N, C-alpha and C. Protein backbone atom coordinates (compact mmCIF):
# COMPACT_ATOMS: atom_id res chain seq x y z
N MET A 1 5.78 -19.53 -0.16
CA MET A 1 5.69 -18.45 -1.09
C MET A 1 6.43 -17.23 -0.51
N MET A 2 5.97 -16.74 0.67
CA MET A 2 6.44 -15.51 1.19
C MET A 2 7.67 -15.69 2.15
N ASN A 3 8.22 -16.91 2.24
CA ASN A 3 9.33 -17.13 3.15
C ASN A 3 10.54 -16.35 2.44
N ASP A 4 10.62 -16.28 1.13
CA ASP A 4 11.65 -15.57 0.52
C ASP A 4 11.30 -14.08 0.47
N ARG A 5 11.97 -13.29 1.17
CA ARG A 5 11.68 -11.89 1.37
C ARG A 5 12.39 -10.94 0.40
N SER A 6 13.08 -11.59 -0.64
CA SER A 6 13.86 -10.79 -1.54
C SER A 6 12.93 -9.71 -2.31
N TRP A 7 11.70 -9.91 -2.29
CA TRP A 7 10.82 -8.93 -2.97
C TRP A 7 10.87 -7.60 -2.25
N ILE A 8 11.23 -7.57 -1.02
CA ILE A 8 11.37 -6.36 -0.17
C ILE A 8 12.33 -5.38 -0.80
N ASP A 9 13.37 -5.95 -1.37
CA ASP A 9 14.39 -5.11 -2.03
C ASP A 9 14.10 -4.73 -3.52
N ARG A 10 12.93 -5.29 -3.96
CA ARG A 10 12.61 -4.88 -5.31
C ARG A 10 11.30 -4.00 -5.22
N HIS A 11 11.41 -2.98 -4.50
CA HIS A 11 10.36 -2.05 -4.27
C HIS A 11 9.87 -1.34 -5.60
N VAL A 12 10.77 -0.75 -6.31
CA VAL A 12 10.42 -0.04 -7.59
C VAL A 12 11.17 -0.68 -8.78
N ASP A 13 10.58 -0.52 -9.96
CA ASP A 13 11.25 -0.98 -11.14
C ASP A 13 12.22 0.12 -11.70
N ASP A 14 12.70 -0.11 -12.93
CA ASP A 14 13.66 0.91 -13.44
C ASP A 14 13.00 2.19 -13.79
N SER A 15 11.70 2.17 -13.93
CA SER A 15 10.96 3.40 -14.28
C SER A 15 10.50 4.16 -13.04
N GLY A 16 10.78 3.52 -11.86
CA GLY A 16 10.31 4.21 -10.66
C GLY A 16 8.95 3.82 -10.13
N PHE A 17 8.32 2.80 -10.74
CA PHE A 17 6.97 2.35 -10.35
C PHE A 17 7.11 1.23 -9.37
N VAL A 18 6.15 1.15 -8.38
CA VAL A 18 6.19 -0.02 -7.52
C VAL A 18 5.86 -1.20 -8.28
N THR A 19 6.70 -2.29 -7.96
CA THR A 19 6.57 -3.58 -8.69
C THR A 19 5.34 -4.33 -8.32
N ILE A 20 4.84 -5.13 -9.09
CA ILE A 20 3.59 -6.01 -8.80
C ILE A 20 3.97 -6.99 -7.69
N GLU A 21 5.24 -7.50 -7.72
CA GLU A 21 5.75 -8.43 -6.68
C GLU A 21 5.69 -7.68 -5.39
N PHE A 22 6.21 -6.45 -5.35
CA PHE A 22 6.20 -5.76 -4.07
C PHE A 22 4.74 -5.50 -3.49
N LYS A 23 3.76 -5.07 -4.42
CA LYS A 23 2.43 -4.82 -4.04
C LYS A 23 1.81 -6.12 -3.38
N GLU A 24 2.15 -7.33 -3.99
CA GLU A 24 1.59 -8.52 -3.48
C GLU A 24 2.22 -8.89 -2.10
N GLY A 25 3.57 -8.52 -2.00
CA GLY A 25 4.20 -8.89 -0.79
C GLY A 25 3.60 -7.88 0.35
N VAL A 26 3.30 -6.65 0.06
CA VAL A 26 2.75 -5.72 0.92
C VAL A 26 1.33 -6.28 1.45
N GLN A 27 0.55 -6.68 0.46
CA GLN A 27 -0.79 -7.28 0.86
C GLN A 27 -0.55 -8.42 1.78
N PHE A 28 0.37 -9.30 1.52
CA PHE A 28 0.67 -10.50 2.40
C PHE A 28 1.04 -9.99 3.71
N PHE A 29 2.03 -9.03 3.78
CA PHE A 29 2.52 -8.55 5.03
C PHE A 29 1.37 -7.95 5.93
N VAL A 30 0.49 -7.08 5.25
CA VAL A 30 -0.66 -6.48 5.99
C VAL A 30 -1.63 -7.63 6.49
N ARG A 31 -1.98 -8.64 5.72
CA ARG A 31 -2.75 -9.72 6.21
C ARG A 31 -2.12 -10.37 7.40
N PHE A 32 -0.81 -10.69 7.34
CA PHE A 32 -0.01 -11.30 8.39
C PHE A 32 -0.08 -10.56 9.61
N ALA A 33 0.34 -9.31 9.46
CA ALA A 33 0.39 -8.37 10.70
C ALA A 33 -0.88 -8.16 11.43
N PHE A 34 -1.95 -7.98 10.57
CA PHE A 34 -3.27 -7.81 11.26
C PHE A 34 -3.89 -9.10 11.65
N SER A 35 -3.38 -10.21 11.36
CA SER A 35 -3.94 -11.53 11.81
C SER A 35 -3.36 -11.90 13.21
N ARG A 36 -2.34 -11.30 13.65
CA ARG A 36 -1.70 -11.66 14.87
C ARG A 36 -2.64 -11.38 16.05
N PRO A 37 -2.58 -12.16 17.20
CA PRO A 37 -3.51 -12.04 18.32
C PRO A 37 -3.45 -10.64 18.88
N LYS A 38 -2.28 -10.04 18.90
CA LYS A 38 -2.15 -8.69 19.61
C LYS A 38 -2.53 -7.49 18.73
N ALA A 39 -2.68 -7.79 17.46
CA ALA A 39 -3.11 -6.75 16.50
C ALA A 39 -4.45 -6.30 16.76
N LYS A 40 -4.66 -5.02 16.79
CA LYS A 40 -6.03 -4.52 16.93
C LYS A 40 -6.44 -3.76 15.62
N SER A 41 -6.81 -2.56 15.58
CA SER A 41 -7.19 -1.87 14.33
C SER A 41 -5.90 -1.20 13.71
N GLU A 42 -4.80 -1.13 14.57
CA GLU A 42 -3.48 -0.52 14.04
C GLU A 42 -2.30 -1.42 14.43
N VAL A 43 -1.28 -1.31 13.65
CA VAL A 43 -0.02 -2.00 13.95
C VAL A 43 1.11 -0.97 13.65
N LYS A 44 2.23 -1.20 14.12
CA LYS A 44 3.38 -0.33 13.87
C LYS A 44 3.76 -0.45 12.41
N CYS A 45 3.97 0.68 11.81
CA CYS A 45 4.25 0.79 10.33
C CYS A 45 5.82 0.65 10.15
N PRO A 46 6.14 -0.42 9.37
CA PRO A 46 7.57 -0.69 9.18
C PRO A 46 8.13 -0.07 7.99
N CYS A 47 7.50 1.04 7.46
CA CYS A 47 8.05 1.61 6.31
C CYS A 47 9.33 2.41 6.67
N SER A 48 10.17 2.79 5.59
CA SER A 48 11.45 3.36 5.92
C SER A 48 11.37 4.73 6.58
N LYS A 49 10.17 5.37 6.55
CA LYS A 49 10.01 6.70 7.19
C LYS A 49 9.60 6.45 8.65
N CYS A 50 8.53 5.64 8.97
CA CYS A 50 8.03 5.40 10.31
C CYS A 50 8.93 4.56 11.13
N LYS A 51 9.61 3.58 10.50
CA LYS A 51 10.53 2.66 11.27
C LYS A 51 9.91 2.13 12.53
N CYS A 52 8.58 1.64 12.47
CA CYS A 52 7.86 1.01 13.56
C CYS A 52 7.74 1.96 14.71
N ARG A 53 7.85 3.24 14.60
CA ARG A 53 7.70 4.23 15.65
C ARG A 53 6.28 4.77 15.59
N LYS A 54 5.61 4.56 14.49
CA LYS A 54 4.16 5.16 14.34
C LYS A 54 3.26 4.00 14.05
N TRP A 55 1.93 4.16 14.37
CA TRP A 55 0.92 3.20 14.16
C TRP A 55 0.13 3.50 12.95
N GLY A 56 -0.50 2.54 12.33
CA GLY A 56 -1.42 2.74 11.17
C GLY A 56 -2.34 1.62 10.98
N ASN A 57 -3.48 1.94 10.33
CA ASN A 57 -4.47 0.89 10.03
C ASN A 57 -4.01 0.18 8.71
N PRO A 58 -4.64 -0.76 8.25
CA PRO A 58 -4.16 -1.50 7.01
C PRO A 58 -3.98 -0.68 5.86
N GLU A 59 -4.86 0.31 5.55
CA GLU A 59 -4.62 1.21 4.47
C GLU A 59 -3.50 2.04 4.50
N VAL A 60 -3.32 2.63 5.71
CA VAL A 60 -2.16 3.56 5.96
C VAL A 60 -0.87 2.81 5.83
N VAL A 61 -0.77 1.66 6.45
CA VAL A 61 0.47 0.84 6.35
C VAL A 61 0.72 0.46 4.98
N SER A 62 -0.35 0.06 4.24
CA SER A 62 -0.06 -0.34 2.82
C SER A 62 0.49 0.87 1.99
N MET A 63 -0.21 1.99 2.19
CA MET A 63 0.17 3.13 1.36
C MET A 63 1.59 3.57 1.74
N HIS A 64 1.92 3.66 3.06
CA HIS A 64 3.28 4.06 3.43
C HIS A 64 4.35 3.00 2.84
N LEU A 65 4.06 1.76 2.84
CA LEU A 65 5.04 0.73 2.36
C LEU A 65 5.23 0.91 0.90
N CYS A 66 4.13 1.13 0.13
CA CYS A 66 4.24 1.31 -1.31
C CYS A 66 4.97 2.62 -1.65
N LYS A 67 4.77 3.59 -0.79
CA LYS A 67 5.37 4.93 -1.02
C LYS A 67 6.81 4.99 -0.57
N HIS A 68 7.15 4.44 0.61
CA HIS A 68 8.46 4.55 1.14
C HIS A 68 9.28 3.19 1.18
N GLY A 69 8.62 2.07 0.93
CA GLY A 69 9.39 0.79 1.10
C GLY A 69 9.60 0.42 2.60
N PHE A 70 10.08 -0.80 2.76
CA PHE A 70 10.29 -1.30 4.13
C PHE A 70 11.51 -0.67 4.77
N MET A 71 11.58 -0.52 6.02
CA MET A 71 12.86 -0.06 6.73
C MET A 71 13.95 -1.09 6.42
N ASN A 72 15.14 -0.64 6.50
CA ASN A 72 16.28 -1.47 6.16
C ASN A 72 16.33 -2.80 6.99
N ASN A 73 16.58 -3.92 6.30
CA ASN A 73 16.83 -5.18 6.89
C ASN A 73 15.62 -5.71 7.68
N TYR A 74 14.45 -5.39 7.32
CA TYR A 74 13.29 -5.87 8.15
C TYR A 74 12.74 -7.12 7.32
N TYR A 75 13.57 -8.21 7.33
CA TYR A 75 13.18 -9.39 6.59
C TYR A 75 12.41 -10.39 7.55
N THR A 76 12.68 -10.31 8.87
CA THR A 76 11.95 -11.16 9.82
C THR A 76 11.02 -10.03 10.51
N TRP A 77 9.76 -10.29 10.43
CA TRP A 77 8.84 -9.37 10.94
C TRP A 77 8.61 -9.49 12.49
N TYR A 78 9.63 -9.36 13.14
CA TYR A 78 9.64 -9.53 14.64
C TYR A 78 8.76 -8.54 15.37
N VAL A 79 8.68 -7.39 14.99
CA VAL A 79 7.84 -6.39 15.64
C VAL A 79 6.35 -6.76 15.47
N HIS A 80 6.02 -7.56 14.39
CA HIS A 80 4.72 -7.91 14.09
C HIS A 80 4.44 -9.30 14.47
N GLY A 81 5.14 -9.88 15.39
CA GLY A 81 4.80 -11.25 15.85
C GLY A 81 5.58 -12.42 15.21
N GLU A 82 6.35 -12.15 14.21
CA GLU A 82 7.03 -13.30 13.60
C GLU A 82 8.28 -13.77 14.43
N THR A 83 8.35 -14.97 14.81
CA THR A 83 9.46 -15.51 15.50
C THR A 83 10.41 -16.42 14.72
N SER A 84 9.84 -16.99 13.59
CA SER A 84 10.68 -17.81 12.71
C SER A 84 9.94 -17.95 11.48
N SER A 85 10.54 -18.62 10.43
CA SER A 85 9.90 -18.77 9.21
C SER A 85 8.64 -19.72 9.34
N ASN A 86 8.68 -20.58 10.48
CA ASN A 86 7.51 -21.46 10.78
C ASN A 86 6.20 -20.51 10.94
N THR A 87 6.37 -19.36 11.56
CA THR A 87 5.19 -18.38 11.85
C THR A 87 4.66 -18.14 10.56
N VAL A 88 5.35 -17.76 9.50
CA VAL A 88 4.83 -17.41 8.24
C VAL A 88 4.18 -18.60 7.56
N ARG A 89 4.90 -19.64 7.64
CA ARG A 89 4.42 -20.93 7.00
C ARG A 89 3.13 -21.36 7.58
N ASN A 90 2.97 -21.28 8.92
CA ASN A 90 1.64 -21.69 9.55
C ASN A 90 0.66 -20.68 9.05
N PHE A 91 1.00 -19.26 9.06
CA PHE A 91 0.04 -18.31 8.60
C PHE A 91 -0.42 -18.57 7.20
N GLU A 92 0.44 -19.01 6.24
CA GLU A 92 0.07 -19.25 4.88
C GLU A 92 -0.89 -20.40 4.90
N GLU A 93 -0.70 -21.41 5.70
CA GLU A 93 -1.59 -22.60 5.69
C GLU A 93 -2.94 -22.10 6.21
N GLU A 94 -2.99 -21.37 7.28
CA GLU A 94 -4.26 -20.93 7.85
C GLU A 94 -4.96 -19.97 6.94
N SER A 95 -4.26 -19.08 6.34
CA SER A 95 -4.92 -18.05 5.47
C SER A 95 -5.40 -18.62 4.17
N SER A 96 -4.87 -19.76 3.70
CA SER A 96 -5.42 -20.29 2.45
C SER A 96 -6.87 -20.72 2.63
N ASN A 97 -7.35 -20.95 3.90
CA ASN A 97 -8.72 -21.27 4.11
C ASN A 97 -9.61 -20.15 4.50
N MET A 98 -8.95 -18.92 4.58
CA MET A 98 -9.70 -17.79 5.10
C MET A 98 -9.91 -16.77 3.87
N GLU A 99 -10.95 -15.89 4.03
CA GLU A 99 -11.16 -14.90 2.99
C GLU A 99 -10.82 -13.56 3.59
N PHE A 100 -9.97 -12.78 2.97
CA PHE A 100 -9.54 -11.51 3.47
C PHE A 100 -10.11 -10.36 2.52
N VAL A 101 -10.25 -9.21 3.10
CA VAL A 101 -10.66 -8.04 2.36
C VAL A 101 -9.47 -7.61 1.57
N LYS A 102 -9.56 -7.51 0.30
CA LYS A 102 -8.46 -7.10 -0.53
C LYS A 102 -8.40 -5.62 -0.51
N ILE A 103 -7.25 -5.07 -0.15
CA ILE A 103 -7.00 -3.73 -0.03
C ILE A 103 -6.77 -3.13 -1.45
N GLU A 104 -7.61 -2.14 -1.78
CA GLU A 104 -7.56 -1.51 -3.05
C GLU A 104 -6.27 -0.64 -3.23
N VAL A 105 -5.19 -1.26 -3.72
CA VAL A 105 -3.87 -0.56 -3.76
C VAL A 105 -4.06 0.63 -4.84
N ASP A 106 -4.85 0.44 -5.88
CA ASP A 106 -4.92 1.45 -6.86
C ASP A 106 -5.60 2.68 -6.28
N ALA A 107 -6.60 2.47 -5.45
CA ALA A 107 -7.25 3.66 -4.76
C ALA A 107 -6.20 4.31 -3.88
N LEU A 108 -5.36 3.63 -3.20
CA LEU A 108 -4.35 4.23 -2.38
C LEU A 108 -3.38 5.03 -3.23
N TYR A 109 -3.02 4.47 -4.34
CA TYR A 109 -2.17 5.25 -5.24
C TYR A 109 -2.74 6.53 -5.69
N HIS A 110 -4.01 6.48 -6.03
CA HIS A 110 -4.76 7.67 -6.51
C HIS A 110 -4.67 8.71 -5.38
N GLU A 111 -5.01 8.34 -4.13
CA GLU A 111 -4.93 9.22 -3.00
C GLU A 111 -3.53 9.74 -2.75
N MET A 112 -2.60 8.91 -2.96
CA MET A 112 -1.15 9.28 -2.72
C MET A 112 -0.71 10.37 -3.74
N VAL A 113 -1.09 10.17 -4.99
CA VAL A 113 -0.86 11.12 -6.11
C VAL A 113 -1.47 12.54 -5.77
N VAL A 114 -2.74 12.38 -5.40
CA VAL A 114 -3.49 13.63 -5.13
C VAL A 114 -2.83 14.27 -3.93
N ASP A 115 -2.39 13.70 -2.89
CA ASP A 115 -1.76 14.28 -1.74
C ASP A 115 -0.37 14.79 -2.10
N ALA A 116 0.35 14.06 -2.89
CA ALA A 116 1.69 14.55 -3.35
C ALA A 116 1.52 15.88 -4.19
N MET A 117 0.58 15.91 -4.94
CA MET A 117 0.36 17.16 -5.77
C MET A 117 -0.32 18.29 -4.99
N ASP A 118 -0.68 18.03 -3.71
CA ASP A 118 -1.39 18.95 -2.95
C ASP A 118 -2.57 19.48 -3.66
N ALA A 119 -3.29 18.60 -4.38
CA ALA A 119 -4.38 18.95 -5.17
C ALA A 119 -5.67 18.72 -4.47
N GLN A 120 -6.65 19.62 -4.76
CA GLN A 120 -7.99 19.31 -4.26
C GLN A 120 -8.93 19.10 -5.38
N SER A 121 -8.38 19.16 -6.60
CA SER A 121 -9.11 18.95 -7.88
C SER A 121 -10.47 19.70 -7.92
N GLU A 122 -11.48 18.97 -8.39
CA GLU A 122 -12.72 19.60 -8.55
C GLU A 122 -13.51 19.83 -7.25
N TYR A 123 -13.07 19.34 -6.10
CA TYR A 123 -13.68 19.60 -4.86
C TYR A 123 -13.32 20.94 -4.25
N ASN A 124 -12.39 21.59 -4.85
CA ASN A 124 -11.95 22.83 -4.40
C ASN A 124 -12.89 23.94 -4.89
N GLU A 125 -13.50 24.57 -3.95
CA GLU A 125 -14.46 25.69 -4.27
C GLU A 125 -14.12 26.99 -3.53
N GLY A 126 -14.79 28.02 -3.91
CA GLY A 126 -14.67 29.28 -3.20
C GLY A 126 -13.72 30.26 -3.88
N PRO A 127 -13.52 31.40 -3.31
CA PRO A 127 -12.83 32.48 -3.99
C PRO A 127 -11.35 32.12 -4.19
N MET A 128 -10.78 31.21 -3.39
CA MET A 128 -9.32 30.85 -3.54
C MET A 128 -9.17 29.76 -4.66
N ALA A 129 -10.23 29.14 -5.11
CA ALA A 129 -10.12 28.03 -6.15
C ALA A 129 -9.56 28.64 -7.43
N LYS A 130 -8.69 27.89 -8.10
CA LYS A 130 -8.24 28.27 -9.41
C LYS A 130 -8.19 27.03 -10.30
N GLU A 131 -8.33 27.28 -11.62
CA GLU A 131 -8.35 26.26 -12.67
C GLU A 131 -6.86 25.76 -12.68
N PRO A 132 -6.59 24.49 -12.76
CA PRO A 132 -5.30 23.90 -12.97
C PRO A 132 -4.77 24.26 -14.40
N ASN A 133 -3.43 24.30 -14.52
CA ASN A 133 -2.94 24.65 -15.78
C ASN A 133 -3.15 23.46 -16.84
N SER A 134 -2.77 23.65 -18.02
CA SER A 134 -3.20 22.56 -19.01
C SER A 134 -2.63 21.20 -18.74
N LYS A 135 -1.38 21.24 -18.39
CA LYS A 135 -0.66 19.86 -18.09
C LYS A 135 -1.33 19.22 -16.90
N ALA A 136 -1.68 19.96 -15.89
CA ALA A 136 -2.31 19.40 -14.66
C ALA A 136 -3.77 18.96 -15.11
N ARG A 137 -4.40 19.66 -15.87
CA ARG A 137 -5.80 19.34 -16.42
C ARG A 137 -5.69 18.02 -17.15
N GLU A 138 -4.68 17.81 -18.00
CA GLU A 138 -4.48 16.53 -18.78
C GLU A 138 -4.35 15.38 -17.70
N PHE A 139 -3.50 15.65 -16.69
CA PHE A 139 -3.20 14.61 -15.63
C PHE A 139 -4.52 14.25 -14.97
N TYR A 140 -5.35 15.27 -14.48
CA TYR A 140 -6.53 14.95 -13.82
C TYR A 140 -7.48 14.22 -14.76
N ASP A 141 -7.51 14.49 -16.04
CA ASP A 141 -8.36 13.83 -17.03
C ASP A 141 -7.93 12.40 -17.09
N LEU A 142 -6.68 12.03 -17.10
CA LEU A 142 -6.15 10.73 -17.09
C LEU A 142 -6.56 9.95 -15.83
N LEU A 143 -6.36 10.66 -14.68
CA LEU A 143 -6.89 9.96 -13.39
C LEU A 143 -8.35 9.64 -13.46
N HIS A 144 -9.07 10.64 -13.93
CA HIS A 144 -10.51 10.37 -14.01
C HIS A 144 -10.89 9.27 -14.89
N ALA A 145 -10.17 9.24 -16.07
CA ALA A 145 -10.43 8.14 -17.05
C ALA A 145 -10.10 6.77 -16.40
N ALA A 146 -9.12 6.70 -15.52
CA ALA A 146 -8.69 5.43 -14.94
C ALA A 146 -9.77 4.93 -14.02
N GLU A 147 -10.48 5.90 -13.43
CA GLU A 147 -11.56 5.56 -12.46
C GLU A 147 -12.86 5.01 -13.23
N VAL A 148 -13.02 5.31 -14.42
CA VAL A 148 -14.34 4.87 -15.20
C VAL A 148 -14.23 3.41 -15.38
N HIS A 149 -15.26 2.74 -15.00
CA HIS A 149 -15.37 1.26 -15.19
C HIS A 149 -15.85 0.89 -16.60
N ILE A 150 -15.13 -0.01 -17.15
CA ILE A 150 -15.54 -0.49 -18.49
C ILE A 150 -16.67 -1.54 -18.28
N GLY A 151 -17.69 -1.40 -19.06
CA GLY A 151 -18.83 -2.25 -19.01
C GLY A 151 -18.47 -3.73 -19.51
N ALA A 152 -19.38 -4.71 -19.24
CA ALA A 152 -19.20 -6.18 -19.58
C ALA A 152 -18.86 -6.30 -21.05
N GLY A 153 -19.41 -5.41 -21.90
CA GLY A 153 -19.12 -5.55 -23.31
C GLY A 153 -17.82 -5.02 -23.80
N GLY A 154 -17.08 -4.36 -22.89
CA GLY A 154 -15.74 -3.86 -23.31
C GLY A 154 -15.85 -2.49 -23.71
């Protein structure tokens, strides 16, 4: 399944949104990287900004990859313990019998949007706090609506 790394080049779609295929690939990469014997709580981040010079936990690495994409030509994950396609094949076979914690990519996107807008939304208090303009308020309302869980009845 993940021996074909062409998904790495399909980071965003024509509308500029991260593709589902890329998100799934990032989740696979994170599980692979953090399953290696030398991996502790952090691994080198292979995003195009960090280029394996900085370290991150699973959430940070996932967020960076979704935001920046992989560094150029990183199809063999050699920095993360991959020596051949057999390494990934063996990992796929092993991981099919294991249960991993699913990284909540949507929560990471929400955090990324809030960070990008340098917003502190309703948590911002004190004399320096100011109400967002109408467009920003509409956006925050949409973000809040996306967080509301729909009950079993729909």
